[in-house]
Protein backbone atom coordinates (compact mmCIF):
# COMPACT_ATOMS: atom_id res chain seq x y z
CA MET A 1 29.11 -0.97 -17.14
CA LYS A 2 25.96 0.86 -14.78
CA LYS A 3 23.47 -1.77 -14.15
CA ILE A 4 19.26 -1.43 -12.59
CA VAL A 5 18.71 -2.85 -9.28
CA MET A 6 15.15 -2.99 -7.08
CA ILE A 7 15.03 -3.43 -4.03
CA GLY A 8 11.50 -4.54 -2.72
CA CYS A 9 9.58 -7.28 -1.25
CA LEU A 10 5.83 -6.48 -1.40
CA GLU A 11 3.66 -7.81 -3.87
CA GLU A 12 3.84 -4.70 -5.44
CA THR A 13 7.34 -5.60 -6.43
CA ILE A 14 6.58 -8.08 -8.80
CA ASP A 15 3.38 -6.62 -10.12
CA THR A 16 6.34 -3.86 -11.00
CA LEU A 17 8.69 -6.00 -12.00
CA ARG A 18 5.93 -7.98 -14.48
CA GLN A 19 4.71 -4.41 -16.08
CA LEU A 20 8.94 -3.80 -16.83
CA LEU A 21 9.56 -7.36 -18.59
CA HIS A 22 6.45 -6.41 -20.45
CA GLN A 23 7.33 -2.91 -21.74
CA GLY A 24 10.90 -4.44 -22.70
CA GLN A 25 12.97 -3.29 -19.46
CA THR A 26 16.05 -4.93 -18.90
CA ILE A 27 16.37 -5.55 -14.86
CA ASP A 28 20.13 -6.48 -14.00
CA SER A 29 19.49 -7.89 -10.10
CA VAL A 30 16.46 -7.64 -7.30
CA VAL A 31 17.97 -7.27 -4.03
CA THR A 32 15.15 -8.81 -1.73
CA LEU A 33 14.07 -9.76 2.59
CA PRO A 34 14.02 -13.64 3.34
CA GLU A 35 10.91 -14.93 4.16
CA LYS A 36 12.20 -15.15 8.00
CA GLN A 37 12.93 -11.27 8.53
CA ALA A 38 10.12 -10.55 6.75
CA LEU A 39 8.20 -12.40 9.14
CA LYS A 40 9.93 -10.85 12.00
CA SER A 41 9.31 -7.38 10.96
CA GLY A 42 5.24 -8.11 10.65
CA ILE A 43 5.38 -7.45 6.87
CA SER A 44 1.24 -7.95 5.71
CA ASN A 45 2.18 -8.18 2.44
CA TRP A 46 5.40 -9.83 1.56
CA VAL A 47 6.12 -12.08 -1.83
CA ASP A 48 8.84 -14.54 -2.41
CA LEU A 49 11.04 -13.55 -4.95
CA ARG A 50 13.35 -16.45 -5.94
CA ASP A 51 10.75 -18.14 -8.62
CA PHE A 52 10.21 -15.12 -10.62
CA CYS A 53 13.62 -13.98 -10.70
CA LEU A 54 14.95 -17.16 -11.47
CA VAL A 55 12.74 -17.75 -14.70
CA HIS A 56 13.22 -14.12 -15.62
CA GLY A 57 16.84 -14.94 -15.41
CA ILE A 58 17.43 -11.99 -13.14
CA SER A 59 20.34 -12.11 -9.76
CA LEU A 60 18.68 -12.28 -6.47
CA TYR A 61 20.27 -11.24 -3.27
CA GLU A 62 18.80 -10.96 0.05
CA VAL A 63 19.52 -8.36 2.86
CA GLN A 64 19.73 -9.56 6.21
CA SER A 65 17.71 -7.05 8.69
CA TYR A 66 14.64 -5.02 6.51
CA GLY A 67 16.36 -1.35 7.36
CA MET A 68 19.77 -2.54 6.27
CA GLN A 69 21.75 -2.48 9.09
CA HIS A 70 23.39 -5.77 9.40
CA GLU A 71 26.89 -5.88 8.65
CA THR A 72 26.44 -7.90 5.49
CA ASP A 73 23.99 -5.58 3.83
CA HIS A 74 26.59 -2.46 3.02
CA LYS A 75 29.02 -5.01 1.36
CA LEU A 76 25.92 -6.36 -0.58
CA ILE A 77 25.07 -3.13 -2.03
CA SER A 78 28.65 -2.46 -2.02
CA ASP A 79 29.60 -5.26 -4.83
CA LEU A 80 26.43 -4.01 -6.90
CA LEU A 81 27.72 -0.55 -8.15
CA PRO A 82 28.11 0.90 -10.22
CA ALA A 83 23.99 1.15 -9.95
CA ASP A 84 20.77 2.79 -10.16
CA PHE A 85 18.47 1.49 -7.17
CA TYR A 86 14.86 1.75 -7.81
CA VAL A 87 13.16 0.87 -4.19
CA VAL A 88 9.60 -0.51 -4.83
CA GLY A 89 7.43 -1.84 -2.47
CA TRP A 90 9.72 -1.45 1.03
CA GLN A 91 8.83 0.50 3.94
CA ARG A 92 11.91 0.87 5.51
CA LEU A 93 14.46 4.00 5.05
CA ILE A 94 17.32 3.09 3.56
CA PRO A 95 20.39 3.73 6.10
CA LYS A 96 22.69 7.61 4.92
CA ASP A 97 26.03 5.14 4.64
CA ILE A 98 24.48 3.40 2.05
CA VAL A 99 22.27 6.41 0.14
CA SER A 100 25.88 7.89 0.14
CA LEU A 101 27.67 5.44 -1.79
CA SER A 102 29.67 6.30 -4.59
CA GLY A 103 28.87 4.81 -7.86
CA ALA A 104 25.07 4.68 -6.63
CA LYS A 105 21.35 6.36 -7.05
CA PHE A 106 18.48 5.38 -5.45
CA LEU A 107 15.27 6.26 -6.46
CA GLY A 108 11.76 6.34 -4.21
CA PHE A 109 8.58 6.46 -4.84
CA HIS A 110 5.68 8.19 -2.71
CA GLY A 111 2.38 8.89 -3.49
CA SER A 112 -0.60 11.00 -1.60
CA ALA A 113 -3.76 12.73 -3.04
CA ASN A 114 -1.45 16.15 -2.78
CA PHE A 115 1.90 17.01 -4.48
CA LEU A 116 4.82 16.22 -2.08
CA PRO A 117 5.99 17.92 0.30
CA TRP A 118 2.18 17.31 1.59
CA GLY A 119 1.18 14.11 2.29
CA ARG A 120 4.58 12.38 3.12
CA GLY A 121 4.91 9.44 5.69
CA ARG A 122 2.87 6.45 6.04
CA SER A 123 0.01 4.69 4.56
CA PRO A 124 -0.45 6.79 2.25
CA ILE A 125 -2.63 4.92 -0.42
CA ASN A 126 -4.87 3.85 2.85
CA TRP A 127 -5.23 7.49 4.49
CA SER A 128 -6.20 8.34 0.95
CA ILE A 129 -9.59 6.07 0.95
CA VAL A 130 -10.35 6.60 4.44
CA GLU A 131 -10.46 10.53 3.47
CA GLY A 132 -11.96 10.14 0.43
CA ARG A 133 -10.01 11.76 -1.81
CA GLU A 134 -10.68 11.13 -5.23
CA ARG A 135 -7.62 10.80 -7.05
CA PHE A 136 -3.58 9.97 -6.15
CA ILE A 137 0.08 11.46 -6.96
CA LEU A 138 2.90 9.14 -7.29
CA HIS A 139 6.12 10.94 -7.63
CA MET A 140 9.23 9.34 -8.45
CA PHE A 141 12.38 11.18 -6.50
CA PHE A 142 15.90 10.87 -6.05
CA ILE A 143 16.09 9.09 -1.86
CA SER A 144 17.49 11.59 0.74
CA PRO A 145 19.05 10.96 3.99
CA GLY A 146 15.15 12.35 4.91
CA VAL A 147 11.66 10.83 4.98
CA ASP A 148 10.30 11.54 0.95
CA ASP A 149 12.07 14.76 0.47
CA GLY A 150 14.16 13.61 -2.27
CA ASP A 151 14.07 16.27 -5.30
CA VAL A 152 11.35 14.83 -7.83
CA ILE A 153 11.92 13.65 -11.35
CA GLY A 154 8.71 13.03 -13.04
CA MET A 155 4.76 11.64 -11.76
CA GLU A 156 2.09 9.67 -12.20
CA VAL A 157 -1.35 11.03 -11.59
CA TYR A 158 -4.37 8.61 -11.29
CA ASP A 159 -8.07 8.15 -10.03
CA ILE A 160 -9.43 6.79 -7.79
CA THR A 161 -12.51 5.15 -7.90
CA PRO A 162 -15.18 4.78 -5.07
CA GLU A 163 -14.72 0.53 -5.95
CA ASP A 164 -11.07 1.03 -5.36
CA SER A 165 -9.81 -0.58 -2.45
CA CYS A 166 -5.69 -0.81 -1.08
CA ARG A 167 -5.51 -3.45 -3.43
CA SER A 168 -6.90 -2.19 -6.42
CA LEU A 169 -4.79 1.29 -5.78
CA TYR A 170 -1.65 -0.88 -5.53
CA TYR A 171 -2.14 -2.65 -8.83
CA LYS A 172 -2.14 0.78 -10.41
CA THR A 173 0.30 2.17 -8.28
CA ALA A 174 2.37 -1.18 -9.46
CA LEU A 175 1.75 0.46 -13.24
CA ALA A 176 2.50 4.04 -12.64
CA GLN A 177 5.83 2.76 -10.71
CA ALA A 178 6.70 1.29 -14.36
CA CYS A 179 6.08 3.31 -16.35
CA LEU A 180 8.03 5.92 -14.46
CA ILE A 181 10.88 3.90 -14.44
CA ARG A 182 10.81 2.82 -18.20
CA ARG A 183 10.14 6.63 -19.23
CA PHE A 184 13.52 7.89 -16.75
CA SER A 185 15.32 4.91 -16.92
CA SER A 186 18.09 5.94 -19.71
CA LEU A 187 18.45 9.55 -18.84
CA LEU A 188 19.43 8.24 -14.89
CA LEU A 189 22.14 6.09 -16.31
CA GLU A 190 23.34 8.47 -18.42
CA GLY A 191 23.04 10.88 -15.95
CA ASN A 192 21.36 13.47 -17.68
CA CYS A 193 17.99 13.24 -15.55
CA PRO A 194 16.42 16.41 -14.44
CA SER A 195 14.91 16.79 -11.72
CA LEU A 196 13.13 19.71 -9.20
CA PRO A 197 13.10 20.30 -5.81
CA GLN A 198 10.04 20.13 -3.07
CA VAL A 199 8.43 23.65 -2.95
CA GLY A 200 6.15 24.18 0.03
CA GLU A 201 5.18 23.67 3.70
CA PRO A 202 5.27 19.47 4.49
CA PHE A 203 2.60 17.49 6.15
CA TYR A 204 3.48 14.30 7.05
CA TYR A 205 0.40 11.13 7.67
CA PRO A 206 1.09 9.13 10.78
CA LYS A 207 1.37 5.24 11.49
CA ARG A 208 -1.98 3.46 11.50
CA THR A 209 -1.75 0.47 13.12
CA PRO A 210 -4.46 -3.10 13.20
CA GLU A 211 -6.00 -0.97 16.09
CA ASP A 212 -7.20 1.55 13.19
CA GLY A 213 -9.33 -0.88 11.46
CA GLN A 214 -12.05 -0.84 13.85
CA ILE A 215 -15.35 -0.31 12.68
CA ASP A 216 -17.20 2.98 14.86
CA TRP A 217 -20.66 2.65 13.96
CA ARG A 218 -21.47 5.57 14.88
CA GLN A 219 -19.55 7.70 11.46
CA PRO A 220 -21.54 7.82 8.67
CA ALA A 221 -22.31 4.35 6.34
CA GLU A 222 -20.06 6.47 3.41
CA ALA A 223 -17.32 6.40 5.90
CA ILE A 224 -16.85 3.24 7.29
CA CYS A 225 -17.04 1.44 3.00
CA ARG A 226 -14.03 3.66 2.85
CA LEU A 227 -12.18 2.40 5.91
CA VAL A 228 -13.26 -1.08 4.80
CA ARG A 229 -11.77 -0.45 0.69
CA ALA A 230 -8.47 1.04 2.86
CA VAL A 231 -7.54 -1.93 5.21
CA THR A 232 -9.00 -5.26 3.60
CA ASP A 233 -6.62 -7.59 2.42
CA PRO A 234 -3.74 -7.58 2.08
CA TYR A 235 -3.94 -5.91 5.52
CA PRO A 236 -5.51 -7.02 8.92
CA GLY A 237 -8.87 -5.45 7.53
CA ALA A 238 -11.73 -3.77 9.16
CA PHE A 239 -13.83 -5.21 12.29
CA ALA A 240 -16.28 -4.78 14.90
CA PHE A 241 -17.66 -7.05 17.71
CA LEU A 242 -20.90 -8.29 19.57
CA GLU A 243 -21.09 -8.63 22.83
CA GLY A 244 -17.65 -8.79 22.61
CA GLN A 245 -16.37 -11.39 19.89
CA ARG A 246 -14.94 -10.25 16.84
CA ILE A 247 -16.57 -9.95 13.26
CA ASN A 248 -13.92 -9.68 10.33
CA VAL A 249 -15.56 -7.26 7.57
CA TRP A 250 -13.32 -7.92 4.01
CA THR A 251 -15.93 -6.25 1.80
CA CYS A 252 -19.02 -4.68 2.17
CA GLN A 253 -20.84 -1.76 -0.20
CA TYR A 254 -23.30 1.65 0.92
CA TRP A 255 -26.71 0.33 1.12
CA GLY A 256 -28.30 4.09 0.88
CA ASP A 257 -29.88 6.07 3.83
CA ASN A 258 -33.93 5.05 3.54
CA GLN A 259 -36.40 6.30 5.69
CA MET A 260 -37.09 2.37 6.39
CA PHE A 261 -34.67 1.95 8.77
CA ALA A 262 -34.60 5.46 9.93
CA CYS A 263 -35.65 4.06 13.23
CA ALA A 264 -33.14 1.36 13.57
CA GLN A 265 -30.47 1.79 16.35
CA THR A 266 -26.81 2.73 15.66
CA GLY A 267 -25.21 -0.32 14.77
CA GLU A 268 -28.66 -2.25 14.68
CA VAL A 269 -28.67 -6.24 12.03
CA ILE A 270 -31.53 -5.04 9.99
CA PHE A 271 -31.45 -7.16 7.10
CA VAL A 272 -29.80 -10.53 6.91
CA ALA A 273 -29.59 -12.43 3.86
CA SER A 274 -31.70 -15.70 3.50
CA HIS A 275 -29.60 -17.64 0.37
CA PRO A 276 -27.65 -20.23 1.46
CA GLU A 277 -24.47 -19.82 0.03
CA ARG A 278 -24.28 -15.99 0.48
CA GLN A 279 -23.83 -14.23 4.22
CA GLU A 280 -24.67 -11.09 3.72
CA VAL A 281 -25.60 -8.52 6.34
CA ALA A 282 -26.97 -5.05 6.62
CA VAL A 283 -26.23 -2.51 9.53
CA LYS A 284 -27.22 0.93 10.80
CA CYS A 285 -24.99 3.15 10.62
CA GLY A 286 -25.28 6.91 11.85
CA SER A 287 -26.29 7.75 8.99
CA GLY A 288 -27.37 5.40 6.40
CA ALA A 289 -26.50 1.65 5.86
CA ILE A 290 -24.26 -0.44 4.82
CA LEU A 291 -24.46 -4.12 3.56
CA MET A 292 -21.60 -6.42 4.57
CA THR A 293 -21.02 -8.47 1.85
CA HIS A 294 -17.70 -10.68 3.05
CA PHE A 295 -17.26 -11.16 6.32
CA ASP A 296 -15.89 -13.90 8.76
CA ALA A 297 -17.21 -14.20 12.61
CA SER A 298 -17.46 -17.55 14.24
CA PHE A 299 -21.23 -17.59 15.02
CA ASP A 300 -24.16 -16.62 12.86
CA LEU A 301 -25.96 -12.67 13.15
CA GLN A 302 -29.88 -12.47 13.52
CA GLU A 303 -31.96 -9.48 12.87
CA GLY A 304 -32.07 -7.35 15.68
CA GLN A 305 -28.95 -7.77 17.12
CA VAL A 306 -27.06 -4.22 17.87
CA LEU A 307 -22.68 -4.40 17.63
CA ASP A 308 -20.73 -2.85 20.01
CA VAL A 309 -20.58 0.84 19.41
């Protein structure tokens, strides 16, 4: 009998699984990555699925490489056939020799602020927040050997609000993935699921690195707030420096563009809250200011200091 298998190792994997089980969807097996390999691959938001699968009676299998290139990985997938594999929270391409296995269909998910093929590539959630987009379109598609270029089965469209961070947008994405799987899984099992090819000129987002989180205080305050929200936990976060000493900024809010601090220098600390349990600091930006509401620093910030630009 054909099985439903999920491939994933990230927080969104377990969030999607929870939603699916809540909706009454059966998941036969999960394929994941062991912690040792996750650490080796530098995965920011890896999650241990063993206890979850044990509690819910889901068979769990571990591949030995994130790219499924280990000699045992091909056999592991082959032994699960016939199956529909839903790839959720897995930031590597599935190798061509595995995608092409007889008796297997691989279903992927990819979103961006526009319809595919616009927005293929890396870190679309982070890029969409950085760019100030107001919607996210999650596509479910048949995985092919290319990059996010398979025929589209269905999609969910949802808002990116001014308060959304990368984490809250991942929550919405987990819910959307579960809805799409629930909607189309029966048709896919029967082999009767329609799909449409992607049409248009592709656009690919480039890879983001931790260094991209450095704050440029010459930017408008709104842009800096978007950067902070885009790269906050579970990612390494936005950061700045004071005379070479690092400040990690996890949350902030737009503090307006008021005449009373118009004469401050770019990057200047213009206000430090006196509340003993709330270390909140306002900084002048290229236009406007932000209030840093959660940040880490090994030193106290003082009004009048100017952060490195």
